[in-house]
Amino acid sequence: MLLGAALLVGIDLLRGAPQETVPTSRVASTPPVTESAEPSAEPSPSAAPSPSPSPEPVYQIPGDIPASGPGTWTYAAGKGDVLGTAGSTRRFRVAAEKNIADEELDTFTEMIDQALGDPRSWIAGRQYRLQRVPSGSSYNFTVYLATGETTRRMCATGGMDTRMNGVSYTSCRLPGRVVINLNRWRLSVPDYVNGKIDLTIYRTYVINHEVGHELGRNHEGCPGKGKPAPVMQQQTYGLKGCKANPWPYVDGKRYTGPPVA
């Protein structure tokens, strides 16, 4: 099995409140008449604050990417919330390879919590609840962020070749092990980048796709040009006419495509 993530921020348009009215003096006529000054009928205009700028979308993370690492791990500390309201509880650990953990582990952990805890994710089916646990706790599976070469070695133990053009390209799932390839975590994939689809969406997709395999889901195909891609479609290899979609549930319903052998 090969694989083939948000930050959407709304812009609040703020209007400036009218300023307090300021009394204006009147010119006295002859003979002088005592008269109270009255406020101007119209408030002084005030400029509306400029809208907050929308954050620039990020499609790839620039910089050098370590090709390999020691194959040892730093695990996320602490216990996460129970995600979901019904079903059996599946507990998981989160780990990053030691040479990338300082830079990547916190963001990786946060993204996993957000992706798996979203009401459009696997918990929507009410078959599973999910909970992140620290190292040393009882767990069902681990989600790893691994360099390309470590990903290749791990996936090869299950008979999978993650390479494309000689470079470790894809992620994979082995029993009890979800392996996310650092190359894709940093660089996304051509159809997403060329389509100007934010990196966060790809990251959400790859988490839900590989965890979907751990939960027993198999690959699916694009159901038709212009339709959302099923999360179990191998979107890493191309959208095949579908639109990027990182979620197993769309409009509250499980969204699927035709089975792929």
Protein backbone atom coordinates (compact mmCIF):
# COMPACT_ATOMS: atom_id res chain seq x y z
CA MET A 1 0.00 0.00 0.00
CA LEU A 2 1.39 3.33 -0.97
CA LEU A 3 0.18 6.77 -0.36
CA GLY A 4 -0.19 7.75 -3.24
CA ALA A 5 -2.24 19.12 6.67
CA ALA A 6 -5.75 23.86 8.27
CA LEU A 7 -4.76 27.10 8.08
CA LEU A 8 -7.81 28.82 6.76
CA VAL A 9 -8.13 32.24 8.41
CA GLY A 10 -11.17 34.52 7.84
CA ILE A 11 -10.66 38.28 7.47
CA ASP A 12 -12.72 40.37 9.90
CA LEU A 13 -13.73 43.64 8.32
CA LEU A 14 -13.79 46.12 11.14
CA ARG A 15 -15.59 49.43 10.85
CA GLY A 16 -14.43 52.37 12.89
CA ALA A 17 -17.00 53.62 15.40
CA PRO A 18 -18.05 57.26 15.03
CA GLN A 19 -16.10 59.63 17.25
CA GLU A 20 -17.77 61.54 20.05
CA THR A 21 -19.31 64.77 18.73
CA VAL A 22 -17.45 67.99 19.44
CA PRO A 23 -19.29 71.22 20.38
CA THR A 24 -18.88 74.08 17.86
CA SER A 25 -19.04 77.80 18.73
CA ARG A 26 -21.63 80.11 17.21
CA VAL A 27 -20.89 83.73 16.29
CA ALA A 28 -22.96 86.11 18.45
CA SER A 29 -25.15 88.70 16.64
CA THR A 30 -25.80 92.35 17.74
CA PRO A 31 -27.26 92.87 20.25
CA PRO A 32 -25.43 90.00 21.91
CA VAL A 33 -27.58 87.07 22.92
CA THR A 34 -26.52 84.46 25.43
CA GLU A 35 -26.87 81.04 23.77
CA SER A 36 -25.68 77.57 24.67
CA ALA A 37 -23.37 75.92 22.19
CA GLU A 38 -24.88 72.81 20.56
CA PRO A 39 -23.01 69.88 19.10
CA SER A 40 -22.53 69.63 15.38
CA ALA A 41 -25.26 67.63 13.68
CA GLU A 42 -22.74 65.28 12.04
CA PRO A 43 -19.88 63.47 13.77
CA SER A 44 -16.35 64.00 12.65
CA PRO A 45 -15.40 61.31 10.18
CA SER A 46 -13.00 58.60 11.28
CA ALA A 47 -11.03 56.25 9.06
CA ALA A 48 -11.91 52.58 9.23
CA PRO A 49 -8.99 50.37 10.26
CA SER A 50 -7.41 48.42 7.45
CA PRO A 51 -8.42 44.75 7.35
CA SER A 52 -5.90 42.31 8.80
CA PRO A 53 -3.84 40.83 5.98
CA SER A 54 -4.56 37.24 5.06
CA PRO A 55 -1.63 34.95 5.85
CA GLU A 56 0.34 33.97 2.80
CA PRO A 57 -0.36 30.38 1.75
CA VAL A 58 2.50 27.93 2.17
CA TYR A 59 2.90 25.22 -0.44
CA GLN A 60 6.34 23.89 0.51
CA ILE A 61 8.87 24.42 3.30
CA PRO A 62 12.14 25.78 1.90
CA GLY A 63 15.56 24.62 3.00
CA ASP A 64 17.65 21.49 3.05
CA ILE A 65 15.91 18.25 3.98
CA PRO A 66 17.94 15.57 5.76
CA ALA A 67 17.97 12.50 3.52
CA SER A 68 18.58 10.06 6.36
CA GLY A 69 18.70 9.78 10.12
CA PRO A 70 19.65 7.41 12.94
CA GLY A 71 16.41 5.44 12.91
CA THR A 72 15.81 6.28 16.57
CA TRP A 73 12.96 8.35 17.89
CA THR A 74 11.83 11.16 20.15
CA TYR A 75 8.24 10.71 21.34
CA ALA A 76 5.66 13.38 22.02
CA ALA A 77 5.11 13.86 25.73
CA GLY A 78 1.80 13.98 27.52
CA LYS A 79 -1.61 12.51 26.89
CA GLY A 80 -4.03 14.05 24.42
CA ASP A 81 -7.78 14.41 24.70
CA VAL A 82 -10.02 11.52 23.75
CA LEU A 83 -11.10 12.31 20.18
CA GLY A 84 -14.61 11.21 19.27
CA THR A 85 -17.71 10.32 21.24
CA ALA A 86 -18.38 6.65 20.48
CA GLY A 87 -16.70 3.42 19.49
CA SER A 88 -13.66 1.53 20.68
CA THR A 89 -10.66 3.59 21.78
CA ARG A 90 -7.48 3.30 19.72
CA ARG A 91 -4.45 4.78 21.46
CA PHE A 92 -1.47 6.02 19.50
CA ARG A 93 1.97 7.49 20.04
CA VAL A 94 3.60 10.23 17.96
CA ALA A 95 7.33 10.18 17.22
CA ALA A 96 9.87 12.00 15.06
CA GLU A 97 13.30 10.75 14.09
CA LYS A 98 15.88 12.14 16.50
CA ASN A 99 17.76 14.29 14.00
CA ILE A 100 14.58 16.17 13.02
CA ALA A 101 12.64 16.06 16.29
CA ASP A 102 13.73 19.46 17.62
CA GLU A 103 12.42 21.18 14.51
CA GLU A 104 9.46 19.00 13.62
CA LEU A 105 7.96 17.10 16.55
CA ASP A 106 5.78 19.82 18.08
CA THR A 107 4.21 20.81 14.77
CA PHE A 108 3.83 17.17 13.73
CA THR A 109 2.03 16.34 16.98
CA GLU A 110 -0.24 19.36 16.74
CA MET A 111 -1.18 18.54 13.14
CA ILE A 112 -2.03 14.95 14.05
CA ASP A 113 -4.21 16.05 16.97
CA GLN A 114 -6.03 18.53 14.73
CA ALA A 115 -6.46 16.17 11.78
CA LEU A 116 -7.70 13.17 13.76
CA GLY A 117 -9.84 15.29 16.09
CA ASP A 118 -11.71 17.10 13.33
CA PRO A 119 -15.40 16.14 12.99
CA ARG A 120 -14.74 15.33 9.31
CA SER A 121 -12.09 12.76 10.22
CA TRP A 122 -12.48 9.08 11.14
CA ILE A 123 -14.17 9.82 14.45
CA ALA A 124 -17.25 10.99 12.52
CA GLY A 125 -18.19 7.37 11.89
CA ARG A 126 -18.53 6.72 15.63
CA GLN A 127 -16.68 3.43 15.24
CA TYR A 128 -13.52 4.68 16.90
CA ARG A 129 -12.31 7.06 19.50
CA LEU A 130 -8.67 8.04 19.28
CA GLN A 131 -6.25 9.21 21.95
CA ARG A 132 -2.59 10.18 21.83
CA VAL A 133 -0.52 8.70 24.65
CA PRO A 134 3.13 9.14 25.67
CA SER A 135 5.89 6.60 25.32
CA GLY A 136 5.62 3.96 28.02
CA SER A 137 1.83 3.80 27.86
CA SER A 138 -0.24 1.03 26.34
CA TYR A 139 -0.89 1.83 22.67
CA ASN A 140 -2.30 0.37 19.45
CA PHE A 141 -0.16 2.14 16.86
CA THR A 142 2.51 4.80 16.40
CA VAL A 143 2.65 7.64 13.87
CA TYR A 144 6.26 8.30 12.83
CA LEU A 145 7.79 11.24 10.97
CA ALA A 146 10.88 9.77 9.32
CA THR A 147 13.55 10.92 6.92
CA GLY A 148 13.33 9.55 3.40
CA GLU A 149 15.91 6.80 3.83
CA THR A 150 14.49 5.64 7.15
CA THR A 151 11.03 5.63 5.58
CA ARG A 152 12.37 3.49 2.73
CA ARG A 153 13.95 0.99 5.12
CA MET A 154 10.89 0.74 7.37
CA CYS A 155 8.43 0.32 4.50
CA ALA A 156 10.67 -2.23 2.77
CA THR A 157 10.16 -4.57 5.73
CA GLY A 158 6.55 -4.81 4.56
CA GLY A 159 7.50 -5.36 0.92
CA MET A 160 6.87 -1.75 -0.16
CA ASP A 161 9.22 0.43 -2.20
CA THR A 162 8.72 4.13 -1.44
CA ARG A 163 11.14 5.33 -4.11
CA MET A 164 10.40 7.36 -7.21
CA ASN A 165 13.27 8.07 -9.59
CA GLY A 166 15.64 6.65 -7.01
CA VAL A 167 14.51 8.96 -4.18
CA SER A 168 12.31 7.91 -1.25
CA TYR A 169 9.03 9.59 -2.15
CA THR A 170 5.96 8.15 -0.47
CA SER A 171 4.75 7.31 3.02
CA CYS A 172 3.37 3.95 4.11
CA ARG A 173 1.59 1.99 6.79
CA LEU A 174 2.79 -1.22 8.39
CA PRO A 175 0.80 -3.08 11.05
CA GLY A 176 0.87 -0.80 14.08
CA ARG A 177 3.16 1.72 12.33
CA VAL A 178 2.10 4.74 10.28
CA VAL A 179 5.21 6.18 8.59
CA ILE A 180 5.09 9.72 7.18
CA ASN A 181 7.92 10.60 4.81
CA LEU A 182 9.67 13.87 5.71
CA ASN A 183 10.11 14.64 2.00
CA ARG A 184 6.35 14.81 1.50
CA TRP A 185 5.78 16.52 4.85
CA ARG A 186 8.01 19.39 3.75
CA LEU A 187 7.43 19.47 -0.01
CA SER A 188 3.87 18.20 -0.62
CA VAL A 189 3.26 16.81 -4.14
CA PRO A 190 3.10 18.35 -7.65
CA ASP A 191 -0.70 18.39 -8.07
CA TYR A 192 -1.11 20.19 -4.76
CA VAL A 193 1.72 22.67 -5.33
CA ASN A 194 0.74 23.42 -8.93
CA GLY A 195 -2.88 23.77 -7.84
CA LYS A 196 -1.84 26.22 -5.09
CA ILE A 197 -3.26 23.98 -2.40
CA ASP A 198 -1.85 24.81 1.01
CA LEU A 199 0.67 22.44 2.56
CA THR A 200 -1.54 22.07 5.63
CA ILE A 201 -4.21 20.42 3.48
CA TYR A 202 -1.73 17.89 2.11
CA ARG A 203 -0.46 17.15 5.61
CA THR A 204 -4.01 16.61 6.83
CA TYR A 205 -4.64 14.30 3.88
CA VAL A 206 -1.56 12.14 4.41
CA ILE A 207 -2.33 11.71 8.12
CA ASN A 208 -5.93 10.69 7.46
CA HIS A 209 -4.96 8.44 4.55
CA GLU A 210 -2.31 6.44 6.38
CA VAL A 211 -4.29 6.25 9.62
CA GLY A 212 -7.20 5.11 7.46
CA HIS A 213 -5.10 2.10 6.45
CA GLU A 214 -4.39 1.40 10.12
CA LEU A 215 -8.15 1.43 10.69
CA GLY A 216 -8.66 -1.12 7.93
CA ARG A 217 -9.46 1.07 4.90
CA ASN A 218 -8.14 0.23 1.44
CA HIS A 219 -7.31 2.33 -1.60
CA GLU A 220 -10.07 3.96 -3.63
CA GLY A 221 -10.12 5.72 -6.99
CA CYS A 222 -11.35 9.11 -8.20
CA PRO A 223 -15.14 8.85 -8.63
CA GLY A 224 -15.30 11.39 -11.46
CA LYS A 225 -13.66 14.47 -12.92
CA GLY A 226 -14.20 17.56 -10.79
CA LYS A 227 -15.42 15.61 -7.77
CA PRO A 228 -13.59 15.58 -4.42
CA ALA A 229 -10.92 12.92 -4.19
CA PRO A 230 -11.65 10.26 -1.57
CA VAL A 231 -9.18 10.39 1.29
CA MET A 232 -8.21 6.80 0.47
CA GLN A 233 -7.32 7.79 -3.09
CA GLN A 234 -3.54 7.83 -3.60
CA GLN A 235 -3.51 11.60 -4.00
CA THR A 236 0.27 11.66 -3.58
CA TYR A 237 0.51 10.10 -7.06
CA GLY A 238 -1.90 12.61 -8.59
CA LEU A 239 -5.48 13.79 -8.27
CA LYS A 240 -6.52 12.09 -11.56
CA GLY A 241 -9.10 14.77 -12.33
CA CYS A 242 -10.50 14.97 -8.80
CA LYS A 243 -10.19 17.89 -6.41
CA ALA A 244 -7.97 17.70 -3.35
CA ASN A 245 -9.81 16.50 -0.27
CA PRO A 246 -8.19 15.56 3.06
CA TRP A 247 -11.30 14.23 4.84
CA PRO A 248 -12.99 10.80 5.07
CA TYR A 249 -16.37 12.43 5.74
CA VAL A 250 -17.87 15.15 3.52
CA ASP A 251 -21.11 16.89 4.49
CA GLY A 252 -21.48 14.47 7.38
CA LYS A 253 -21.34 11.34 5.23
CA ARG A 254 -18.57 8.86 4.53
CA TYR A 255 -17.16 9.83 1.14
CA THR A 256 -15.73 7.03 -0.98
CA GLY A 257 -14.63 6.14 -4.49
CA PRO A 258 -14.44 2.92 -6.46
CA PRO A 259 -12.21 0.21 -4.94
CA VAL A 260 -8.68 -0.04 -6.29
CA ALA A 261 -6.97 -3.41 -6.37
